[in-house]
Protein backbone atom coordinates (compact mmCIF):
# COMPACT_ATOMS: atom_id res chain seq x y z
CA UNK A 1 0.00 0.00 0.00
CA UNK A 2 1.10 3.58 -0.70
CA UNK A 3 0.63 6.66 1.50
CA UNK A 4 0.50 9.96 -0.40
CA UNK A 5 1.32 12.90 1.90
CA UNK A 6 0.82 16.62 1.24
CA UNK A 7 0.66 19.72 3.44
CA UNK A 8 -0.79 23.22 3.27
CA UNK A 9 -1.55 26.24 5.44
CA UNK A 10 -4.53 28.51 5.94
CA UNK A 11 -5.35 31.51 8.10
CA UNK A 12 -6.92 30.51 11.41
CA UNK A 13 -10.26 32.19 10.67
CA UNK A 14 -10.53 30.52 7.22
CA UNK A 15 -9.17 27.06 8.01
CA UNK A 16 -12.66 25.66 8.52
CA UNK A 17 -13.36 26.41 4.86
CA UNK A 18 -10.62 24.06 3.70
CA UNK A 19 -11.73 21.36 6.15
CA UNK A 20 -15.28 21.60 4.79
CA UNK A 21 -14.05 21.55 1.18
CA UNK A 22 -11.97 18.44 1.88
CA UNK A 23 -14.86 16.64 3.57
CA UNK A 24 -17.59 17.65 1.13
CA UNK A 25 -15.77 17.74 -2.22
CA UNK A 26 -12.42 15.94 -2.06
CA UNK A 27 -13.34 12.84 -0.04
CA UNK A 28 -16.28 11.80 -2.26
CA UNK A 29 -14.07 12.09 -5.37
CA UNK A 30 -11.23 10.14 -3.79
CA UNK A 31 -13.32 7.32 -2.37
CA UNK A 32 -15.01 6.79 -5.72
CA UNK A 33 -11.65 5.98 -7.35
CA UNK A 34 -10.53 2.37 -7.71
CA UNK A 35 -7.50 1.73 -5.53
CA UNK A 36 -8.19 4.47 -2.98
CA UNK A 37 -8.11 2.88 0.48
CA UNK A 38 -8.85 5.93 2.60
CA UNK A 39 -7.79 9.42 3.56
CA UNK A 40 -6.92 11.45 6.64
CA UNK A 41 -7.03 15.22 7.10
CA UNK A 42 -4.75 16.29 9.94
CA UNK A 43 -4.81 19.79 11.44
CA UNK A 44 -2.67 21.71 13.90
CA UNK A 45 -2.58 25.34 14.92
CA UNK A 46 0.78 27.01 14.23
CA UNK A 47 2.07 30.55 14.80
CA UNK A 48 0.77 31.94 11.51
CA UNK A 49 -2.46 29.96 11.17
CA UNK A 50 -3.34 26.31 10.64
CA UNK A 51 -1.26 23.60 9.04
CA UNK A 52 -3.06 20.75 7.29
CA UNK A 53 -1.54 17.44 6.36
CA UNK A 54 -3.45 15.23 3.94
CA UNK A 55 -2.62 11.54 3.83
CA UNK A 56 -4.33 9.38 1.25
CA UNK A 57 -3.91 5.62 1.03
CA UNK A 58 -3.67 3.73 -2.26
CA UNK A 59 -3.30 0.15 -3.43
CA UNK A 60 -0.34 1.02 -5.67
CA UNK A 61 1.48 3.78 -7.54
CA UNK A 62 -0.63 2.83 -10.57
CA UNK A 63 -3.73 3.73 -8.54
CA UNK A 64 -2.08 7.02 -7.49
CA UNK A 65 -1.37 7.81 -11.14
CA UNK A 66 -5.04 7.25 -11.99
CA UNK A 67 -5.82 10.06 -9.55
CA UNK A 68 -2.82 12.36 -10.00
CA UNK A 69 -1.99 11.86 -13.67
CA UNK A 70 1.26 11.21 -15.51
CA UNK A 71 3.35 13.10 -12.93
CA UNK A 72 2.09 11.68 -9.63
CA UNK A 73 4.63 13.64 -7.55
CA UNK A 74 2.84 16.89 -8.39
CA UNK A 75 0.12 18.05 -6.00
CA UNK A 76 -3.49 18.07 -7.14
CA UNK A 77 -4.99 21.29 -5.73
CA UNK A 78 -8.28 22.53 -7.17
CA UNK A 79 -9.25 26.18 -7.51
CA UNK A 80 -11.56 26.20 -4.49
CA UNK A 81 -8.73 24.98 -2.23
CA UNK A 82 -6.28 27.45 -3.74
CA UNK A 83 -8.71 30.26 -2.83
CA UNK A 84 -8.64 29.31 0.86
CA UNK A 85 -5.05 28.22 1.45
CA UNK A 86 -2.23 30.69 2.08
CA UNK A 87 0.43 28.20 0.96
CA UNK A 88 0.71 24.57 -0.07
CA UNK A 89 3.24 22.04 -1.22
CA UNK A 90 3.46 21.81 -4.99
CA UNK A 91 4.90 18.32 -4.67
CA UNK A 92 3.76 15.34 -2.64
CA UNK A 93 5.66 12.50 -1.01
CA UNK A 94 4.84 8.85 -1.48
CA UNK A 95 5.68 6.21 1.10
CA UNK A 96 5.38 2.46 0.89
CA UNK A 97 3.51 1.26 3.97
CA UNK A 98 5.45 -1.60 5.48
CA UNK A 99 3.43 -2.14 8.63
CA UNK A 100 0.27 -0.75 10.22
CA UNK A 101 -2.35 -1.45 12.86
CA UNK A 102 -5.84 -0.07 13.51
CA UNK A 103 -7.85 -0.10 16.68
CA UNK A 104 -6.72 -1.00 20.17
CA UNK A 105 -3.42 -2.68 20.75
CA UNK A 106 -3.28 -4.51 24.09
């Protein structure tokens, strides 16, 4: 499995707009794609606003390319997101997931 990781920033008073956009527009598009195994939107308050980290999970790099196109290392950022964010990575990082666990570990 592949984790695709990207980050961006927004002003504190507008950060909720990106969170809503991700939940209402991005997630439905992602989860409809073959090979998409899930997504996480992480948020933390920083000195100059809010930092978001998006992690999407994919079956393979072929599945990533179906979403991201011929150059999968380039970020896919639509116009609505660009209008809310103050900065964002233009490139993404891909990681091969070697091990994971979900739920309680006792």
